[in-house]
Amino acid sequence: MNEKEVTNVGYGAMELNYGRITLTAKEAAEYLGVSYWLILEMAKRKEIPHVRAGKRVLFRKESLLAWVRDREATGSQTEEIDSAKGSLRKLQP
């Protein structure tokens, strides 16, 4: 095994680089600039494209980009967390 086949994936773990096509929820949250908990909640409500593999929630980078473009093109309503109730609410533009 040469050095190009092995990448450090965090937490000190080593993993073969097979050119993954999915992101974990944590990676997807960082990619989109949202919190880990928000992306999991959105996946639970089926508001964002994802797949489940056992207990893991995975996201394809291409699907996330298409989802962002679609939301941007349709001018969808913005969501924000209502700090008083701890829930999401929709804001009218």
Protein backbone atom coordinates (compact mmCIF):
# COMPACT_ATOMS: atom_id res chain seq x y z
CA MET A 1 0.00 0.00 0.00
CA ASN A 2 1.48 3.35 -0.95
CA GLU A 3 0.92 6.71 0.75
CA LYS A 4 -1.60 7.92 -1.84
CA GLU A 5 -4.02 5.12 -0.93
CA VAL A 6 -4.27 6.06 2.73
CA THR A 7 -5.84 9.22 4.10
CA ASN A 8 -6.34 10.43 7.63
CA VAL A 9 -10.09 10.82 8.24
CA GLY A 10 -10.00 12.30 11.73
CA TYR A 11 -10.07 10.91 15.24
CA GLY A 12 -6.70 9.28 14.50
CA ALA A 13 -8.32 6.65 12.28
CA MET A 14 -6.82 5.62 8.97
CA GLU A 15 -9.00 4.63 6.03
CA LEU A 16 -8.43 3.61 2.43
CA ASN A 17 -9.39 6.36 0.01
CA TYR A 18 -11.91 4.78 -2.37
CA GLY A 19 -13.20 8.13 -3.60
CA ARG A 20 -16.25 8.23 -1.32
CA ILE A 21 -19.36 9.63 -2.94
CA THR A 22 -21.16 10.40 0.31
CA LEU A 23 -20.67 12.77 3.22
CA THR A 24 -21.53 12.06 6.83
CA ALA A 25 -24.04 14.34 8.55
CA LYS A 26 -21.17 16.21 10.23
CA GLU A 27 -19.35 16.68 6.92
CA ALA A 28 -22.54 17.75 5.14
CA ALA A 29 -23.31 20.27 7.90
CA GLU A 30 -19.83 21.78 7.57
CA TYR A 31 -20.16 21.78 3.77
CA LEU A 32 -23.47 23.69 3.91
CA GLY A 33 -22.48 25.89 6.85
CA VAL A 34 -25.26 24.73 9.15
CA SER A 35 -25.26 22.90 12.46
CA TYR A 36 -25.02 19.12 12.73
CA TRP A 37 -28.32 19.02 14.63
CA LEU A 38 -30.15 21.10 12.04
CA ILE A 39 -29.08 18.88 9.15
CA LEU A 40 -30.19 15.77 11.07
CA GLU A 41 -33.54 17.38 11.85
CA MET A 42 -34.00 18.36 8.19
CA ALA A 43 -33.21 14.79 7.12
CA LYS A 44 -35.69 13.44 9.67
CA ARG A 45 -38.41 15.71 8.21
CA LYS A 46 -37.31 14.69 4.67
CA GLU A 47 -36.51 18.29 3.75
CA ILE A 48 -33.04 17.52 2.40
CA PRO A 49 -31.89 14.65 0.14
CA HIS A 50 -30.20 11.86 2.11
CA VAL A 51 -29.89 8.10 2.42
CA ARG A 52 -29.83 5.99 5.53
CA ALA A 53 -27.35 3.17 6.02
CA GLY A 54 -28.29 1.57 9.29
CA LYS A 55 -28.12 4.32 11.88
CA ARG A 56 -25.96 6.55 9.68
CA VAL A 57 -27.40 9.40 7.64
CA LEU A 58 -25.41 10.03 4.46
CA PHE A 59 -25.53 12.82 1.90
CA ARG A 60 -24.27 12.95 -1.70
CA LYS A 61 -22.38 16.15 -2.44
CA GLU A 62 -24.04 16.41 -5.88
CA SER A 63 -27.51 16.07 -4.34
CA LEU A 64 -26.75 18.77 -1.78
CA LEU A 65 -25.56 21.15 -4.51
CA ALA A 66 -28.69 20.46 -6.58
CA TRP A 67 -30.86 20.98 -3.49
CA VAL A 68 -29.20 24.34 -2.75
CA ARG A 69 -29.57 25.45 -6.40
CA ASP A 70 -33.25 24.46 -6.36
CA ARG A 71 -33.93 26.32 -3.12
CA GLU A 72 -32.07 29.34 -4.45
CA ALA A 73 -33.94 29.30 -7.79
CA THR A 74 -37.38 28.96 -6.21
CA GLY A 75 -36.66 31.62 -3.62
CA SER A 76 -37.93 29.30 -0.92
CA GLN A 77 -38.75 30.66 2.49
CA THR A 78 -35.97 31.05 5.02
CA GLU A 79 -36.05 29.00 8.18
CA GLU A 80 -34.65 30.10 11.49
CA ILE A 81 -34.68 28.68 14.97
CA ASP A 82 -37.20 30.25 17.29
CA SER A 83 -35.06 30.52 20.40
CA ALA A 84 -38.05 30.98 22.69
CA LYS A 85 -39.59 27.66 21.73
CA GLY A 86 -36.53 25.84 20.37
CA SER A 87 -38.30 25.00 17.12
CA LEU A 88 -38.02 26.04 13.51
CA ARG A 89 -40.32 28.63 12.03
CA LYS A 90 -40.72 29.88 8.48
CA LEU A 91 -40.14 33.55 7.71
CA GLN A 92 -42.04 35.28 4.96
CA PRO A 93 -39.79 37.17 2.50
